[in-house]
């Protein structure tokens, strides 16, 4: 839930905050699909409606294409299910060994 300090303009959450959220949820979707930590190659964001500080947000992402790069669609919705922002990005699986190490650590303890 964004707070007042996340506003770029009075009472409107900064677009960079929303883009960061979309990037983060997209990277996790890509990483889970690839079983490798991914990095962002490109991210296109569309801001559909202003997001207000204190507004509860829900994020979702799905991989829609797999290849050398993974293509991910993501969205931010408000509590009423209205789309507030969405993105399309391409992600590169860059850190497979680190993924395997982290997963192994989780399984051990």
PDB file of N, CA and C in Angstrom:
ATOM      1  N   UNK A   1       0.853  -1.168   0.000  1.00  0.00           N
ATOM      2  CA  UNK A   1       0.000   0.000   0.000  1.00  0.00           C
ATOM      3  C   UNK A   1       0.906   1.241   0.000  1.00  0.00           C
ATOM      4  N   UNK A   2       0.903   2.015  -1.078  1.00  0.00           N
ATOM      5  CA  UNK A   2       1.755   3.200  -1.131  1.00  0.00           C
ATOM      6  C   UNK A   2       1.324   4.244  -0.098  1.00  0.00           C
ATOM      7  N   UNK A   3       2.302   4.985   0.382  1.00  0.00           N
ATOM      8  CA  UNK A   3       2.064   6.005   1.402  1.00  0.00           C
ATOM      9  C   UNK A   3       2.247   7.407   0.800  1.00  0.00           C
ATOM     10  N   UNK A   4       1.984   8.423   1.588  1.00  0.00           N
ATOM     11  CA  UNK A   4       2.082   9.809   1.126  1.00  0.00           C
ATOM     12  C   UNK A   4       3.470  10.139   0.590  1.00  0.00           C
ATOM     13  N   UNK A   5       4.513   9.552   1.191  1.00  0.00           N
ATOM     14  CA  UNK A   5       5.876   9.851   0.733  1.00  0.00           C
ATOM     15  C   UNK A   5       6.183   9.231  -0.634  1.00  0.00           C
ATOM     16  N   UNK A   6       5.278   8.416  -1.164  1.00  0.00           N
ATOM     17  CA  UNK A   6       5.463   7.832  -2.490  1.00  0.00           C
ATOM     18  C   UNK A   6       4.823   8.689  -3.583  1.00  0.00           C
ATOM     19  N   UNK A   7       4.232   9.805  -3.204  1.00  0.00           N
ATOM     20  CA  UNK A   7       3.587  10.689  -4.175  1.00  0.00           C
ATOM     21  C   UNK A   7       4.640  11.530  -4.894  1.00  0.00           C
ATOM     22  N   UNK A   8       4.494  11.627  -6.213  1.00  0.00           N
ATOM     23  CA  UNK A   8       5.352  12.504  -7.005  1.00  0.00           C
ATOM     24  C   UNK A   8       4.678  13.852  -7.188  1.00  0.00           C
ATOM     25  N   UNK A   9       3.389  13.838  -7.272  1.00  0.00           N
ATOM     26  CA  UNK A   9       2.531  15.004  -7.351  1.00  0.00           C
ATOM     27  C   UNK A   9       1.571  14.859  -6.187  1.00  0.00           C
ATOM     28  N   UNK A  10       1.119  15.932  -5.582  1.00  0.00           N
ATOM     29  CA  UNK A  10       0.249  15.789  -4.407  1.00  0.00           C
ATOM     30  C   UNK A  10      -0.904  14.815  -4.653  1.00  0.00           C
ATOM     31  N   UNK A  11      -0.976  13.814  -3.794  1.00  0.00           N
ATOM     32  CA  UNK A  11      -2.046  12.826  -3.767  1.00  0.00           C
ATOM     33  C   UNK A  11      -2.063  11.877  -4.975  1.00  0.00           C
ATOM     34  N   UNK A  12      -0.934  11.774  -5.707  1.00  0.00           N
ATOM     35  CA  UNK A  12      -0.810  10.803  -6.802  1.00  0.00           C
ATOM     36  C   UNK A  12       0.529  10.089  -6.649  1.00  0.00           C
ATOM     37  N   UNK A  13       0.479   8.750  -6.577  1.00  0.00           N
ATOM     38  CA  UNK A  13       1.700   7.958  -6.421  1.00  0.00           C
ATOM     39  C   UNK A  13       2.581   8.135  -7.651  1.00  0.00           C
ATOM     40  N   UNK A  14       3.870   8.329  -7.423  1.00  0.00           N
ATOM     41  CA  UNK A  14       4.858   8.545  -8.485  1.00  0.00           C
ATOM     42  C   UNK A  14       4.882   7.337  -9.419  1.00  0.00           C
ATOM     43  N   UNK A  15       4.904   7.597 -10.711  1.00  0.00           N
ATOM     44  CA  UNK A  15       4.936   6.527 -11.700  1.00  0.00           C
ATOM     45  C   UNK A  15       6.155   5.631 -11.573  1.00  0.00           C
ATOM     46  N   UNK A  16       7.264   6.179 -11.112  1.00  0.00           N
ATOM     47  CA  UNK A  16       8.464   5.368 -10.931  1.00  0.00           C
ATOM     48  C   UNK A  16       8.282   4.302  -9.865  1.00  0.00           C
ATOM     49  N   UNK A  17       7.495   4.606  -8.851  1.00  0.00           N
ATOM     50  CA  UNK A  17       7.182   3.609  -7.810  1.00  0.00           C
ATOM     51  C   UNK A  17       6.359   2.485  -8.429  1.00  0.00           C
ATOM     52  N   UNK A  18       5.362   2.848  -9.218  1.00  0.00           N
ATOM     53  CA  UNK A  18       4.516   1.838  -9.855  1.00  0.00           C
ATOM     54  C   UNK A  18       5.316   1.000 -10.848  1.00  0.00           C
ATOM     55  N   UNK A  19       6.188   1.631 -11.615  1.00  0.00           N
ATOM     56  CA  UNK A  19       7.027   0.893 -12.567  1.00  0.00           C
ATOM     57  C   UNK A  19       7.947  -0.074 -11.831  1.00  0.00           C
ATOM     58  N   UNK A  20       8.476   0.335 -10.686  1.00  0.00           N
ATOM     59  CA  UNK A  20       9.329  -0.557  -9.893  1.00  0.00           C
ATOM     60  C   UNK A  20       8.551  -1.769  -9.401  1.00  0.00           C
ATOM     61  N   UNK A  21       7.318  -1.568  -8.978  1.00  0.00           N
ATOM     62  CA  UNK A  21       6.485  -2.691  -8.545  1.00  0.00           C
ATOM     63  C   UNK A  21       6.221  -3.659  -9.695  1.00  0.00           C
ATOM     64  N   UNK A  22       5.910  -3.114 -10.871  1.00  0.00           N
ATOM     65  CA  UNK A  22       5.673  -3.965 -12.036  1.00  0.00           C
ATOM     66  C   UNK A  22       6.935  -4.726 -12.426  1.00  0.00           C
ATOM     67  N   UNK A  23       8.074  -4.057 -12.365  1.00  0.00           N
ATOM     68  CA  UNK A  23       9.344  -4.706 -12.680  1.00  0.00           C
ATOM     69  C   UNK A  23       9.611  -5.847 -11.704  1.00  0.00           C
ATOM     70  N   UNK A  24       9.408  -5.602 -10.434  1.00  0.00           N
ATOM     71  CA  UNK A  24       9.694  -6.606  -9.409  1.00  0.00           C
ATOM     72  C   UNK A  24       8.811  -7.843  -9.562  1.00  0.00           C
ATOM     73  N   UNK A  25       7.513  -7.650  -9.723  1.00  0.00           N
ATOM     74  CA  UNK A  25       6.617  -8.809  -9.857  1.00  0.00           C
ATOM     75  C   UNK A  25       6.911  -9.551 -11.158  1.00  0.00           C
ATOM     76  N   UNK A  26       7.321  -8.831 -12.190  1.00  0.00           N
ATOM     77  CA  UNK A  26       7.671  -9.461 -13.468  1.00  0.00           C
ATOM     78  C   UNK A  26       8.944 -10.285 -13.357  1.00  0.00           C
ATOM     79  N   UNK A  27       9.946  -9.747 -12.672  1.00  0.00           N
ATOM     80  CA  UNK A  27      11.199 -10.490 -12.494  1.00  0.00           C
ATOM     81  C   UNK A  27      10.943 -11.787 -11.740  1.00  0.00           C
ATOM     82  N   UNK A  28      10.105 -11.749 -10.717  1.00  0.00           N
ATOM     83  CA  UNK A  28       9.818 -12.974  -9.970  1.00  0.00           C
ATOM     84  C   UNK A  28       9.075 -13.988 -10.826  1.00  0.00           C
ATOM     85  N   UNK A  29       8.139 -13.541 -11.647  1.00  0.00           N
ATOM     86  CA  UNK A  29       7.436 -14.472 -12.542  1.00  0.00           C
ATOM     87  C   UNK A  29       8.419 -15.112 -13.516  1.00  0.00           C
ATOM     88  N   UNK A  30       9.295 -14.302 -14.102  1.00  0.00           N
ATOM     89  CA  UNK A  30      10.293 -14.817 -15.044  1.00  0.00           C
ATOM     90  C   UNK A  30      11.269 -15.762 -14.343  1.00  0.00           C
ATOM     91  N   UNK A  31      11.728 -15.367 -13.165  1.00  0.00           N
ATOM     92  CA  UNK A  31      12.704 -16.180 -12.430  1.00  0.00           C
ATOM     93  C   UNK A  31      12.127 -17.530 -12.034  1.00  0.00           C
ATOM     94  N   UNK A  32      10.896 -17.547 -11.560  1.00  0.00           N
ATOM     95  CA  UNK A  32      10.260 -18.821 -11.206  1.00  0.00           C
ATOM     96  C   UNK A  32      10.105 -19.711 -12.431  1.00  0.00           C
ATOM     97  N   UNK A  33       9.729 -19.113 -13.550  1.00  0.00           N
ATOM     98  CA  UNK A  33       9.553 -19.880 -14.773  1.00  0.00           C
ATOM     99  C   UNK A  33      10.876 -20.441 -15.289  1.00  0.00           C
ATOM    100  N   UNK A  34      11.937 -19.639 -15.237  1.00  0.00           N
ATOM    101  CA  UNK A  34      13.247 -20.034 -15.764  1.00  0.00           C
ATOM    102  C   UNK A  34      14.073 -20.828 -14.755  1.00  0.00           C
ATOM    103  N   UNK A  35      13.639 -20.820 -13.488  1.00  0.00           N
ATOM    104  CA  UNK A  35      14.444 -21.414 -12.409  1.00  0.00           C
ATOM    105  C   UNK A  35      15.844 -20.813 -12.397  1.00  0.00           C
ATOM    106  N   UNK A  36      15.886 -19.498 -12.583  1.00  0.00           N
ATOM    107  CA  UNK A  36      17.127 -18.718 -12.618  1.00  0.00           C
ATOM    108  C   UNK A  36      16.760 -17.271 -12.306  1.00  0.00           C
ATOM    109  N   UNK A  37      17.560 -16.616 -11.449  1.00  0.00           N
ATOM    110  CA  UNK A  37      17.296 -15.194 -11.220  1.00  0.00           C
ATOM    111  C   UNK A  37      17.465 -14.450 -12.540  1.00  0.00           C
ATOM    112  N   UNK A  38      16.514 -13.594 -12.837  1.00  0.00           N
ATOM    113  CA  UNK A  38      16.503 -12.866 -14.100  1.00  0.00           C
ATOM    114  C   UNK A  38      16.840 -11.392 -13.898  1.00  0.00           C
ATOM    115  N   UNK A  39      17.248 -10.762 -14.991  1.00  0.00           N
ATOM    116  CA  UNK A  39      17.456  -9.318 -15.022  1.00  0.00           C
ATOM    117  C   UNK A  39      16.562  -8.745 -16.119  1.00  0.00           C
ATOM    118  N   UNK A  40      16.206  -7.495 -15.965  1.00  0.00           N
ATOM    119  CA  UNK A  40      15.321  -6.837 -16.913  1.00  0.00           C
ATOM    120  C   UNK A  40      16.099  -6.414 -18.152  1.00  0.00           C
ATOM    121  N   UNK A  41      15.590  -6.789 -19.305  1.00  0.00           N
ATOM    122  CA  UNK A  41      16.154  -6.335 -20.577  1.00  0.00           C
ATOM    123  C   UNK A  41      15.418  -5.074 -21.032  1.00  0.00           C
ATOM    124  N   UNK A  42      14.084  -5.115 -20.929  1.00  0.00           N
ATOM    125  CA  UNK A  42      13.277  -3.942 -21.267  1.00  0.00           C
ATOM    126  C   UNK A  42      11.934  -4.039 -20.557  1.00  0.00           C
ATOM    127  N   UNK A  43      11.349  -2.885 -20.290  1.00  0.00           N
ATOM    128  CA  UNK A  43      10.053  -2.836 -19.620  1.00  0.00           C
ATOM    129  C   UNK A  43       9.289  -1.632 -20.149  1.00  0.00           C
ATOM    130  N   UNK A  44       8.108  -1.886 -20.679  1.00  0.00           N
ATOM    131  CA  UNK A  44       7.230  -0.822 -21.152  1.00  0.00           C
ATOM    132  C   UNK A  44       6.046  -0.751 -20.202  1.00  0.00           C
ATOM    133  N   UNK A  45       5.788   0.431 -19.692  1.00  0.00           N
ATOM    134  CA  UNK A  45       4.739   0.610 -18.693  1.00  0.00           C
ATOM    135  C   UNK A  45       3.669   1.560 -19.210  1.00  0.00           C
ATOM    136  N   UNK A  46       2.417   1.217 -18.964  1.00  0.00           N
ATOM    137  CA  UNK A  46       1.289   2.093 -19.279  1.00  0.00           C
ATOM    138  C   UNK A  46       0.577   2.424 -17.974  1.00  0.00           C
ATOM    139  N   UNK A  47       0.420   3.700 -17.711  1.00  0.00           N
ATOM    140  CA  UNK A  47      -0.282   4.175 -16.527  1.00  0.00           C
ATOM    141  C   UNK A  47      -1.711   4.490 -16.952  1.00  0.00           C
ATOM    142  N   UNK A  48      -2.667   3.796 -16.360  1.00  0.00           N
ATOM    143  CA  UNK A  48      -4.049   3.886 -16.815  1.00  0.00           C
ATOM    144  C   UNK A  48      -4.909   4.825 -15.983  1.00  0.00           C
ATOM    145  N   UNK A  49      -4.695   4.810 -14.658  1.00  0.00           N
ATOM    146  CA  UNK A  49      -5.469   5.651 -13.743  1.00  0.00           C
ATOM    147  C   UNK A  49      -4.550   6.095 -12.622  1.00  0.00           C
ATOM    148  N   UNK A  50      -4.796   7.268 -12.051  1.00  0.00           N
ATOM    149  CA  UNK A  50      -3.968   7.699 -10.924  1.00  0.00           C
ATOM    150  C   UNK A  50      -4.148   6.788  -9.714  1.00  0.00           C
ATOM    151  N   UNK A  51      -3.047   6.490  -9.072  1.00  0.00           N
ATOM    152  CA  UNK A  51      -3.058   5.706  -7.835  1.00  0.00           C
ATOM    153  C   UNK A  51      -2.864   6.686  -6.682  1.00  0.00           C
ATOM    154  N   UNK A  52      -3.696   6.577  -5.669  1.00  0.00           N
ATOM    155  CA  UNK A  52      -3.647   7.478  -4.514  1.00  0.00           C
ATOM    156  C   UNK A  52      -2.894   6.822  -3.361  1.00  0.00           C
ATOM    157  N   UNK A  53      -2.141   7.597  -2.602  1.00  0.00           N
ATOM    158  CA  UNK A  53      -1.533   7.048  -1.388  1.00  0.00           C
ATOM    159  C   UNK A  53      -2.609   6.444  -0.492  1.00  0.00           C
ATOM    160  N   UNK A  54      -2.291   5.327   0.132  1.00  0.00           N
ATOM    161  CA  UNK A  54      -3.231   4.638   1.005  1.00  0.00           C
ATOM    162  C   UNK A  54      -4.145   3.669   0.278  1.00  0.00           C
ATOM    163  N   UNK A  55      -4.083   3.643  -1.036  1.00  0.00           N
ATOM    164  CA  UNK A  55      -4.929   2.753  -1.824  1.00  0.00           C
ATOM    165  C   UNK A  55      -4.316   1.350  -1.847  1.00  0.00           C
ATOM    166  N   UNK A  56      -5.114   0.357  -1.509  1.00  0.00           N
ATOM    167  CA  UNK A  56      -4.638  -1.038  -1.529  1.00  0.00           C
ATOM    168  C   UNK A  56      -4.474  -1.472  -2.980  1.00  0.00           C
ATOM    169  N   UNK A  57      -3.307  -2.048  -3.270  1.00  0.00           N
ATOM    170  CA  UNK A  57      -3.002  -2.484  -4.622  1.00  0.00           C
ATOM    171  C   UNK A  57      -2.748  -3.982  -4.666  1.00  0.00           C
ATOM    172  N   UNK A  58      -3.048  -4.574  -5.806  1.00  0.00           N
ATOM    173  CA  UNK A  58      -2.804  -5.991  -6.057  1.00  0.00           C
ATOM    174  C   UNK A  58      -2.001  -6.096  -7.344  1.00  0.00           C
ATOM    175  N   UNK A  59      -0.967  -6.933  -7.311  1.00  0.00           N
ATOM    176  CA  UNK A  59      -0.099  -7.100  -8.465  1.00  0.00           C
ATOM    177  C   UNK A  59      -0.171  -8.528  -8.963  1.00  0.00           C
ATOM    178  N   UNK A  60      -0.048  -8.689 -10.268  1.00  0.00           N
ATOM    179  CA  UNK A  60      -0.023 -10.022 -10.871  1.00  0.00           C
ATOM    180  C   UNK A  60       0.865  -9.957 -12.104  1.00  0.00           C
ATOM    181  N   UNK A  61       1.501 -11.088 -12.401  1.00  0.00           N
ATOM    182  CA  UNK A  61       2.340 -11.177 -13.596  1.00  0.00           C
ATOM    183  C   UNK A  61       2.290 -12.590 -14.137  1.00  0.00           C
ATOM    184  N   UNK A  62       2.430 -12.717 -15.444  1.00  0.00           N
ATOM    185  CA  UNK A  62       2.493 -14.045 -16.048  1.00  0.00           C
ATOM    186  C   UNK A  62       3.451 -14.022 -17.231  1.00  0.00           C
ATOM    187  N   UNK A  63       4.141 -15.133 -17.380  1.00  0.00           N
ATOM    188  CA  UNK A  63       5.045 -15.315 -18.517  1.00  0.00           C
ATOM    189  C   UNK A  63       4.180 -15.695 -19.711  1.00  0.00           C
ATOM    190  N   UNK A  64       4.336 -14.960 -20.813  1.00  0.00           N
ATOM    191  CA  UNK A  64       3.522 -15.250 -21.994  1.00  0.00           C
ATOM    192  C   UNK A  64       4.351 -15.814 -23.144  1.00  0.00           C
ATOM    193  N   UNK A  65       5.686 -15.730 -23.020  1.00  0.00           N
ATOM    194  CA  UNK A  65       6.547 -16.288 -24.064  1.00  0.00           C
ATOM    195  C   UNK A  65       7.887 -16.666 -23.450  1.00  0.00           C
ATOM    196  N   UNK A  66       8.351 -17.859 -23.814  1.00  0.00           N
ATOM    197  CA  UNK A  66       9.641 -18.342 -23.320  1.00  0.00           C
ATOM    198  C   UNK A  66      10.578 -18.558 -24.492  1.00  0.00           C
ATOM    199  N   UNK A  67      11.790 -18.164 -24.329  1.00  0.00           N
ATOM    200  CA  UNK A  67      12.846 -18.353 -25.307  1.00  0.00           C
ATOM    201  C   UNK A  67      14.140 -17.951 -24.628  1.00  0.00           C
ATOM    202  N   UNK A  68      15.069 -17.410 -25.394  1.00  0.00           N
ATOM    203  CA  UNK A  68      16.291 -16.887 -24.776  1.00  0.00           C
ATOM    204  C   UNK A  68      15.928 -15.830 -23.735  1.00  0.00           C
ATOM    205  N   UNK A  69      14.920 -15.029 -24.056  1.00  0.00           N
ATOM    206  CA  UNK A  69      14.344 -14.060 -23.118  1.00  0.00           C
ATOM    207  C   UNK A  69      12.930 -14.511 -22.775  1.00  0.00           C
ATOM    208  N   UNK A  70      12.472 -14.148 -21.594  1.00  0.00           N
ATOM    209  CA  UNK A  70      11.105 -14.440 -21.198  1.00  0.00           C
ATOM    210  C   UNK A  70      10.297 -13.151 -21.286  1.00  0.00           C
ATOM    211  N   UNK A  71       9.140 -13.222 -21.908  1.00  0.00           N
ATOM    212  CA  UNK A  71       8.251 -12.069 -22.023  1.00  0.00           C
ATOM    213  C   UNK A  71       7.176 -12.195 -20.955  1.00  0.00           C
ATOM    214  N   UNK A  72       7.000 -11.113 -20.200  1.00  0.00           N
ATOM    215  CA  UNK A  72       6.078 -11.129 -19.060  1.00  0.00           C
ATOM    216  C   UNK A  72       5.111  -9.956 -19.158  1.00  0.00           C
ATOM    217  N   UNK A  73       3.834 -10.234 -18.943  1.00  0.00           N
ATOM    218  CA  UNK A  73       2.817  -9.202 -18.776  1.00  0.00           C
ATOM    219  C   UNK A  73       2.535  -9.065 -17.280  1.00  0.00           C
ATOM    220  N   UNK A  74       2.398  -7.829 -16.826  1.00  0.00           N
ATOM    221  CA  UNK A  74       2.084  -7.591 -15.414  1.00  0.00           C
ATOM    222  C   UNK A  74       1.044  -6.486 -15.300  1.00  0.00           C
ATOM    223  N   UNK A  75       0.391  -6.457 -14.146  1.00  0.00           N
ATOM    224  CA  UNK A  75      -0.618  -5.412 -13.930  1.00  0.00           C
ATOM    225  C   UNK A  75      -0.716  -5.056 -12.449  1.00  0.00           C
ATOM    226  N   UNK A  76      -1.186  -3.856 -12.230  1.00  0.00           N
ATOM    227  CA  UNK A  76      -1.542  -3.384 -10.895  1.00  0.00           C
ATOM    228  C   UNK A  76      -3.029  -3.080 -10.927  1.00  0.00           C
ATOM    229  N   UNK A  77      -3.748  -3.623  -9.949  1.00  0.00           N
ATOM    230  CA  UNK A  77      -5.180  -3.363  -9.830  1.00  0.00           C
ATOM    231  C   UNK A  77      -5.478  -2.781  -8.464  1.00  0.00           C
ATOM    232  N   UNK A  78      -6.574  -2.036  -8.377  1.00  0.00           N
ATOM    233  CA  UNK A  78      -7.019  -1.546  -7.077  1.00  0.00           C
ATOM    234  C   UNK A  78      -7.938  -2.594  -6.438  1.00  0.00           C
ATOM    235  N   UNK A  79      -8.474  -2.293  -5.280  1.00  0.00           N
ATOM    236  CA  UNK A  79      -9.303  -3.249  -4.537  1.00  0.00           C
ATOM    237  C   UNK A  79     -10.594  -3.594  -5.274  1.00  0.00           C
ATOM    238  N   UNK A  80     -11.023  -2.736  -6.183  1.00  0.00           N
ATOM    239  CA  UNK A  80     -12.230  -2.997  -6.969  1.00  0.00           C
ATOM    240  C   UNK A  80     -11.926  -3.779  -8.246  1.00  0.00           C
ATOM    241  N   UNK A  81     -10.667  -4.140  -8.467  1.00  0.00           N
ATOM    242  CA  UNK A  81     -10.286  -4.895  -9.653  1.00  0.00           C
ATOM    243  C   UNK A  81     -10.039  -4.051 -10.884  1.00  0.00           C
ATOM    244  N   UNK A  82      -9.996  -2.730 -10.714  1.00  0.00           N
ATOM    245  CA  UNK A  82      -9.727  -1.842 -11.848  1.00  0.00           C
ATOM    246  C   UNK A  82      -8.230  -1.834 -12.152  1.00  0.00           C
ATOM    247  N   UNK A  83      -7.890  -1.920 -13.431  1.00  0.00           N
ATOM    248  CA  UNK A  83      -6.486  -1.846 -13.842  1.00  0.00           C
ATOM    249  C   UNK A  83      -5.987  -0.410 -13.676  1.00  0.00           C
ATOM    250  N   UNK A  84      -4.907  -0.260 -12.921  1.00  0.00           N
ATOM    251  CA  UNK A  84      -4.328   1.061 -12.676  1.00  0.00           C
ATOM    252  C   UNK A  84      -3.081   1.285 -13.537  1.00  0.00           C
ATOM    253  N   UNK A  85      -2.332   0.211 -13.775  1.00  0.00           N
ATOM    254  CA  UNK A  85      -1.129   0.273 -14.609  1.00  0.00           C
ATOM    255  C   UNK A  85      -0.844  -1.136 -15.104  1.00  0.00           C
ATOM    256  N   UNK A  86      -0.129  -1.219 -16.208  1.00  0.00           N
ATOM    257  CA  UNK A  86       0.275  -2.525 -16.716  1.00  0.00           C
ATOM    258  C   UNK A  86       1.612  -2.385 -17.426  1.00  0.00           C
ATOM    259  N   UNK A  87       2.248  -3.521 -17.608  1.00  0.00           N
ATOM    260  CA  UNK A  87       3.545  -3.502 -18.278  1.00  0.00           C
ATOM    261  C   UNK A  87       3.733  -4.746 -19.121  1.00  0.00           C
ATOM    262  N   UNK A  88       4.670  -4.626 -20.034  1.00  0.00           N
ATOM    263  CA  UNK A  88       5.148  -5.744 -20.836  1.00  0.00           C
ATOM    264  C   UNK A  88       6.664  -5.648 -20.772  1.00  0.00           C
ATOM    265  N   UNK A  89       7.301  -6.748 -20.422  1.00  0.00           N
ATOM    266  CA  UNK A  89       8.749  -6.716 -20.295  1.00  0.00           C
ATOM    267  C   UNK A  89       9.394  -7.976 -20.818  1.00  0.00           C
ATOM    268  N   UNK A  90      10.694  -7.860 -21.045  1.00  0.00           N
ATOM    269  CA  UNK A  90      11.500  -9.009 -21.459  1.00  0.00           C
ATOM    270  C   UNK A  90      12.643  -9.151 -20.471  1.00  0.00           C
ATOM    271  N   UNK A  91      12.868 -10.407 -20.042  1.00  0.00           N
ATOM    272  CA  UNK A  91      13.778 -10.684 -18.944  1.00  0.00           C
ATOM    273  C   UNK A  91      14.749 -11.786 -19.336  1.00  0.00           C
ATOM    274  N   UNK A  92      15.995 -11.610 -18.904  1.00  0.00           N
ATOM    275  CA  UNK A  92      17.058 -12.548 -19.247  1.00  0.00           C
ATOM    276  C   UNK A  92      17.447 -13.359 -18.019  1.00  0.00           C
ATOM    277  N   UNK A  93      17.410 -14.708 -18.125  1.00  0.00           N
ATOM    278  CA  UNK A  93      17.847 -15.537 -17.006  1.00  0.00           C
ATOM    279  C   UNK A  93      19.368 -15.499 -16.891  1.00  0.00           C
ATOM    280  N   UNK A  94      19.873 -14.832 -15.866  1.00  0.00           N
ATOM    281  CA  UNK A  94      21.305 -14.543 -15.774  1.00  0.00           C
ATOM    282  C   UNK A  94      22.023 -15.272 -14.646  1.00  0.00           C
ATOM    283  N   UNK A  95      21.300 -15.729 -13.639  1.00  0.00           N
ATOM    284  CA  UNK A  95      21.969 -16.229 -12.438  1.00  0.00           C
ATOM    285  C   UNK A  95      21.409 -17.585 -11.999  1.00  0.00           C
ATOM    286  N   UNK A  96      21.575 -18.596 -12.840  1.00  0.00           N
ATOM    287  CA  UNK A  96      21.050 -19.930 -12.529  1.00  0.00           C
ATOM    288  C   UNK A  96      21.740 -20.540 -11.313  1.00  0.00           C
ATOM    289  N   UNK A  97      23.059 -20.411 -11.228  1.00  0.00           N
ATOM    290  CA  UNK A  97      23.785 -20.995 -10.092  1.00  0.00           C
ATOM    291  C   UNK A  97      23.343 -20.371  -8.769  1.00  0.00           C
ATOM    292  N   UNK A  98      23.138 -19.072  -8.767  1.00  0.00           N
ATOM    293  CA  UNK A  98      22.688 -18.408  -7.543  1.00  0.00           C
ATOM    294  C   UNK A  98      21.272 -18.870  -7.183  1.00  0.00           C
ATOM    295  N   UNK A  99      20.417 -19.042  -8.182  1.00  0.00           N
ATOM    296  CA  UNK A  99      19.062 -19.556  -7.944  1.00  0.00           C
ATOM    297  C   UNK A  99      19.139 -20.919  -7.267  1.00  0.00           C
ATOM    298  N   UNK A 100      19.954 -21.808  -7.827  1.00  0.00           N
ATOM    299  CA  UNK A 100      20.070 -23.162  -7.278  1.00  0.00           C
ATOM    300  C   UNK A 100      20.625 -23.129  -5.855  1.00  0.00           C
ATOM    301  N   UNK A 101      21.573 -22.241  -5.598  1.00  0.00           N
ATOM    302  CA  UNK A 101      22.137 -22.119  -4.253  1.00  0.00           C
ATOM    303  C   UNK A 101      21.083 -21.641  -3.262  1.00  0.00           C
ATOM    304  N   UNK A 102      20.324 -20.626  -3.644  1.00  0.00           N
ATOM    305  CA  UNK A 102      19.290 -20.083  -2.751  1.00  0.00           C
ATOM    306  C   UNK A 102      18.187 -21.100  -2.490  1.00  0.00           C
ATOM    307  N   UNK A 103      17.753 -21.798  -3.525  1.00  0.00           N
ATOM    308  CA  UNK A 103      16.699 -22.803  -3.364  1.00  0.00           C
ATOM    309  C   UNK A 103      17.202 -23.927  -2.468  1.00  0.00           C
ATOM    310  N   UNK A 104      18.435 -24.341  -2.653  1.00  0.00           N
ATOM    311  CA  UNK A 104      19.030 -25.387  -1.822  1.00  0.00           C
ATOM    312  C   UNK A 104      19.069 -24.956  -0.358  1.00  0.00           C
ATOM    313  N   UNK A 105      19.431 -23.694  -0.109  1.00  0.00           N
ATOM    314  CA  UNK A 105      19.459 -23.170   1.266  1.00  0.00           C
ATOM    315  C   UNK A 105      18.065 -23.177   1.886  1.00  0.00           C
ATOM    316  N   UNK A 106      17.059 -22.836   1.112  1.00  0.00           N
ATOM    317  CA  UNK A 106      15.681 -22.841   1.625  1.00  0.00           C
ATOM    318  C   UNK A 106      15.235 -24.261   1.967  1.00  0.00           C
ATOM    319  N   UNK A 107      15.588 -25.196   1.126  1.00  0.00           N
ATOM    320  CA  UNK A 107      15.175 -26.580   1.359  1.00  0.00           C
ATOM    321  C   UNK A 107      15.869 -27.194   2.573  1.00  0.00           C
ATOM    322  N   UNK A 108      17.074 -26.720   2.873  1.00  0.00           N
ATOM    323  CA  UNK A 108      17.830 -27.259   4.001  1.00  0.00           C
ATOM    324  C   UNK A 108      17.407 -26.677   5.339  1.00  0.00           C
ATOM    325  N   UNK A 109      16.798 -25.513   5.294  1.00  0.00           N
ATOM    326  CA  UNK A 109      16.553 -24.986   6.595  1.00  0.00           C
ATOM    327  C   UNK A 109      15.512 -24.012   6.775  1.00  0.00           C
TER     328      UNK A 109
END
